Protein backbone atom coordinates (compact mmCIF):
# COMPACT_ATOMS: atom_id res chain seq x y z
CA MET A 1 -9.88 -8.56 0.93
CA ASN A 2 -11.14 -10.79 -1.89
CA LYS A 3 -14.64 -9.32 -1.42
CA LEU A 4 -13.24 -5.82 -1.81
CA LYS A 5 -11.52 -6.82 -5.04
CA LEU A 6 -14.81 -8.16 -6.39
CA VAL A 7 -16.61 -4.93 -5.43
CA LEU A 8 -13.99 -2.79 -7.18
CA CYS A 9 -14.20 -4.90 -10.33
CA ALA A 10 -18.02 -4.87 -10.29
CA VAL A 11 -18.18 -1.08 -9.93
CA PHE A 12 -15.70 -0.61 -12.75
CA THR A 13 -17.57 -3.03 -15.02
CA LEU A 14 -20.87 -1.21 -14.46
CA LEU A 15 -19.24 2.09 -15.34
CA LEU A 16 -17.74 0.57 -18.46
CA VAL A 17 -21.12 -0.77 -19.61
CA ASN A 18 -23.20 2.29 -18.79
CA THR A 19 -20.89 5.22 -19.59
CA ALA A 20 -21.23 6.95 -22.92
CA GLN A 21 -18.08 7.07 -25.01
CA ALA A 22 -16.15 10.29 -24.37
CA ASP A 23 -12.99 11.80 -25.79
CA SER A 24 -9.92 10.56 -23.91
CA SER A 25 -7.45 13.03 -25.44
CA ASN A 26 -7.74 15.47 -22.52
CA PHE A 27 -6.37 12.77 -20.18
CA ALA A 28 -3.70 11.21 -22.40
CA GLY A 29 0.02 11.81 -22.14
CA PRO A 30 2.72 12.08 -19.46
CA TYR A 31 2.07 13.63 -16.07
CA ILE A 32 3.69 14.37 -12.72
CA GLY A 33 2.04 15.08 -9.39
CA LEU A 34 2.41 15.63 -5.67
CA ASN A 35 0.24 13.69 -3.25
CA ALA A 36 -0.86 13.82 0.37
CA SER A 37 -2.09 10.67 2.06
CA ALA A 38 -3.51 9.28 5.27
CA TYR A 39 -2.84 5.61 5.81
CA GLY A 40 -3.26 3.07 8.57
CA LEU A 41 -1.66 -0.31 9.14
CA GLY A 42 -2.95 -3.48 10.71
CA ALA A 43 -1.40 -6.88 11.14
CA GLN A 44 -1.71 -10.32 12.54
CA GLY A 45 1.49 -11.25 14.31
CA GLY A 46 3.04 -13.06 17.19
CA SER A 47 6.08 -14.89 18.48
CA VAL A 48 7.22 -18.48 18.78
CA ALA A 49 9.70 -19.53 21.46
CA LYS A 50 10.98 -23.06 20.95
CA GLY A 51 12.37 -25.19 23.72
CA THR A 52 14.47 -28.32 23.30
CA SER A 53 11.73 -29.77 21.05
CA ASP A 54 8.73 -28.58 19.08
CA ALA A 55 6.51 -29.98 21.83
CA ASP A 56 7.99 -27.39 24.20
CA ALA A 57 7.25 -24.49 21.87
CA THR A 58 5.08 -21.61 23.04
CA PHE A 59 3.16 -19.46 20.58
CA GLU A 60 1.41 -16.15 21.00
CA LYS A 61 -0.67 -14.63 18.20
CA ASN A 62 -2.83 -11.54 18.26
CA ASP A 63 -4.23 -8.77 16.10
CA VAL A 64 -2.11 -5.66 16.27
CA SER A 65 -3.08 -2.08 15.50
CA ILE A 66 0.09 -0.50 14.20
CA GLY A 67 -0.96 3.14 14.08
CA LYS A 68 -1.83 5.84 11.61
CA ALA A 69 0.11 8.49 9.75
CA ALA A 70 -1.63 11.66 8.54
CA GLY A 71 -0.34 14.33 6.20
CA VAL A 72 2.22 12.05 4.58
CA VAL A 73 3.49 13.49 1.31
CA GLY A 74 4.96 11.96 -1.82
CA GLY A 75 4.96 12.13 -5.58
CA GLU A 76 3.89 10.30 -8.70
CA ILE A 77 4.83 10.10 -12.36
CA GLY A 78 3.10 8.31 -15.18
CA TYR A 79 1.77 8.12 -18.71
CA ALA A 80 -1.87 7.69 -19.75
CA ILE A 81 -2.22 5.81 -23.05
CA PRO A 82 -5.53 6.29 -24.95
CA LEU A 83 -7.19 3.13 -26.26
CA GLY A 84 -9.82 4.93 -28.30
CA GLY A 85 -13.11 6.49 -27.31
CA GLY A 86 -13.34 6.93 -23.55
CA LEU A 87 -10.76 4.35 -22.43
CA LEU A 88 -7.15 4.72 -21.30
CA ILE A 89 -4.43 2.68 -19.65
CA ASP A 90 -2.55 4.66 -17.02
CA ILE A 91 0.95 3.35 -16.24
CA GLY A 92 2.94 4.97 -13.47
CA ALA A 93 4.73 4.95 -10.15
CA SER A 94 4.09 6.68 -6.82
CA TYR A 95 6.10 7.26 -3.66
CA LEU A 96 5.08 7.99 -0.08
CA ALA A 97 7.55 9.12 2.59
CA GLY A 98 6.41 8.05 6.05
CA GLU A 99 6.88 5.50 8.79
CA ALA A 100 4.63 3.21 10.81
CA LYS A 101 5.67 0.94 13.64
CA MET A 102 4.39 -2.24 15.30
CA GLU A 103 5.63 -3.19 18.77
CA SER A 104 5.70 -6.59 20.44
CA ASP A 105 5.60 -6.39 24.25
CA GLY A 106 8.52 -7.94 26.06
CA ASP A 107 8.71 -9.43 29.54
CA ASP A 108 8.95 -7.41 32.74
CA THR A 109 12.60 -6.62 32.08
CA GLY A 110 11.94 -5.55 28.50
CA THR A 111 14.81 -7.64 27.17
CA ASP A 112 12.67 -9.38 24.55
CA ALA A 113 10.79 -6.32 23.30
CA VAL A 114 10.79 -6.02 19.51
CA SER A 115 9.37 -3.39 17.15
CA PHE A 116 9.00 -3.49 13.37
CA LYS A 117 8.78 -0.42 11.15
CA ILE A 118 8.03 0.14 7.49
CA ASP A 119 8.69 3.30 5.51
CA ASP A 120 9.27 4.70 2.01
CA LEU A 121 6.25 3.07 0.33
CA ARG A 122 6.62 2.68 -3.44
CA THR A 123 4.00 1.47 -5.92
CA TYR A 124 4.28 0.65 -9.64
CA TYR A 125 0.83 0.47 -11.15
CA VAL A 126 -1.46 -0.05 -14.10
CA ALA A 127 -4.83 1.71 -13.96
CA PRO A 128 -7.53 1.07 -16.61
CA THR A 129 -9.46 4.34 -16.85
CA ILE A 130 -12.94 5.29 -18.10
CA VAL A 131 -13.57 8.87 -19.20
CA LEU A 132 -16.89 10.16 -17.84
CA SER A 133 -16.79 13.65 -19.35
CA GLU A 134 -14.34 16.15 -20.83
CA THR A 135 -12.86 16.77 -17.39
CA SER A 136 -13.55 13.71 -15.22
CA SER A 137 -12.61 10.03 -15.22
CA VAL A 138 -12.67 7.01 -12.92
CA TYR A 139 -10.15 4.18 -12.69
CA ILE A 140 -9.32 0.94 -10.94
CA LYS A 141 -5.67 0.42 -10.03
CA LEU A 142 -3.59 -2.73 -9.68
CA GLY A 143 -0.06 -2.22 -8.43
CA LEU A 144 3.08 -3.86 -7.16
CA SER A 145 4.14 -2.19 -3.90
CA GLU A 146 7.40 -2.22 -2.00
CA ALA A 147 8.49 -0.77 1.35
CA ASP A 148 11.67 -0.62 3.39
CA THR A 149 11.65 -2.43 6.72
CA GLY A 150 13.55 -2.02 9.95
CA VAL A 151 13.58 -3.55 13.40
CA VAL A 152 14.50 -2.51 16.94
CA GLY A 153 15.60 -5.26 19.31
CA ASP A 154 18.02 -8.17 19.49
CA VAL A 155 16.69 -9.79 16.32
CA THR A 156 17.76 -10.21 12.72
CA THR A 157 16.85 -7.57 10.12
CA PRO A 158 13.87 -8.58 7.94
CA ALA A 159 13.81 -8.41 4.17
CA ASP A 160 12.07 -5.46 2.51
CA LEU A 161 8.34 -5.83 1.92
CA SER A 162 6.52 -6.44 -1.33
CA GLY A 163 2.81 -6.78 -1.95
CA THR A 164 -0.21 -6.11 -4.16
CA THR A 165 -2.21 -2.88 -4.19
CA TRP A 166 -5.84 -2.49 -5.25
CA ALA A 167 -7.49 0.94 -5.46
CA LEU A 168 -10.42 2.88 -6.91
CA GLY A 169 -10.06 6.55 -7.81
CA THR A 170 -11.15 9.56 -9.80
CA ARG A 171 -9.14 12.03 -11.84
CA THR A 172 -10.27 15.49 -12.92
CA VAL A 173 -8.22 17.27 -15.61
CA LEU A 174 -8.61 20.93 -16.58
CA ASP A 175 -7.93 22.34 -20.06
CA SER A 176 -4.69 23.82 -18.73
CA GLY A 177 -3.39 20.34 -17.91
CA LEU A 178 -3.73 20.66 -14.16
CA PHE A 179 -5.38 17.66 -12.52
CA ILE A 180 -6.72 16.49 -9.17
CA ARG A 181 -6.78 12.80 -8.28
CA THR A 182 -8.58 11.18 -5.34
CA GLU A 183 -7.99 7.55 -4.46
CA ALA A 184 -8.75 4.94 -1.81
CA GLY A 185 -7.21 1.49 -1.63
CA TYR A 186 -5.25 -1.10 0.28
CA THR A 187 -2.01 -3.06 0.05
CA ASP A 188 -1.50 -6.62 1.26
CA TYR A 189 2.20 -7.16 2.03
CA ASN A 190 4.18 -10.35 2.45
CA GLU A 191 5.06 -11.52 5.96
CA ILE A 192 7.81 -10.01 8.10
CA SER A 193 9.76 -12.73 9.91
CA VAL A 194 12.81 -12.45 12.19
CA HIS A 195 14.50 -14.45 14.96
CA GLY A 196 16.63 -13.63 17.97
CA LYS A 197 20.37 -13.04 17.73
CA GLY A 198 21.10 -14.74 21.03
CA THR A 199 22.17 -11.79 23.19
CA GLY A 200 18.91 -10.58 24.70
CA ILE A 201 16.61 -12.87 22.69
CA ALA A 202 17.31 -16.55 22.11
CA THR A 203 17.98 -17.70 18.57
CA THR A 204 15.12 -20.20 19.01
CA THR A 205 12.62 -17.33 19.40
CA SER A 206 11.06 -15.94 16.22
CA TYR A 207 8.65 -13.07 15.54
CA ASP A 208 6.35 -12.54 12.58
CA ALA A 209 3.84 -9.99 11.33
CA ASP A 210 1.59 -9.96 8.26
CA PRO A 211 0.92 -6.25 7.55
CA THR A 212 -1.75 -4.63 5.40
CA VAL A 213 -2.13 -0.95 4.54
CA ALA A 214 -5.37 0.96 3.95
CA TYR A 215 -5.01 4.48 2.60
CA GLY A 216 -6.71 7.53 1.16
CA MET A 217 -4.80 9.84 -1.17
CA VAL A 218 -5.24 13.21 -2.88
CA SER A 219 -2.91 14.24 -5.70
CA MET A 220 -2.42 17.45 -7.62
CA GLY A 221 -0.30 17.61 -10.69
CA PHE A 222 0.14 18.54 -14.33
CA ARG A 223 -0.48 16.64 -17.56
CA PHE A 224 1.91 17.60 -20.35
């Protein structure tokens, strides 16, 4: 992930150095939009079952493919602030309605099966933007992302997720104010951690997952 951050920064720096100064007024101001996204989740996770001492503990850890969601829709709202010439700072928020699930296999009876889910992804972002022409621009985005979490199984409910989003995108704005945005990025969330309630899963058994989200998004909207 750190390599991807360096690549995004390098690409943006090259554009900043080599792009001729253009008028940013066509991109400035408030905007709203609707977006459609495809995103996939991956995680490293596992379970720890402790015996009477740490020496008796068993631990299973594996890479988990959580699944993909296509055609997920949402919205965004923001304000692009011109900094002079061909530079802007875009400040906004976006929302995606969708759900993805990760399942942990139980034993033969299924009594210790657990599944995590995340939904309602929200991102609050800042996006330095370079204007390439009267109608097109490119930006790099840094955001704070949150998501609701849920769990199925005899375990405690985890706290909601938070994480950091990095993305690279383009924005094309017409004279009428209509715009199209394309974006690709990823979010690295904090760890999900729960433990058994003691009915079907012992309180000494804990489960964890460290999810990341990769996504592609297309937005259409209007700049006022």
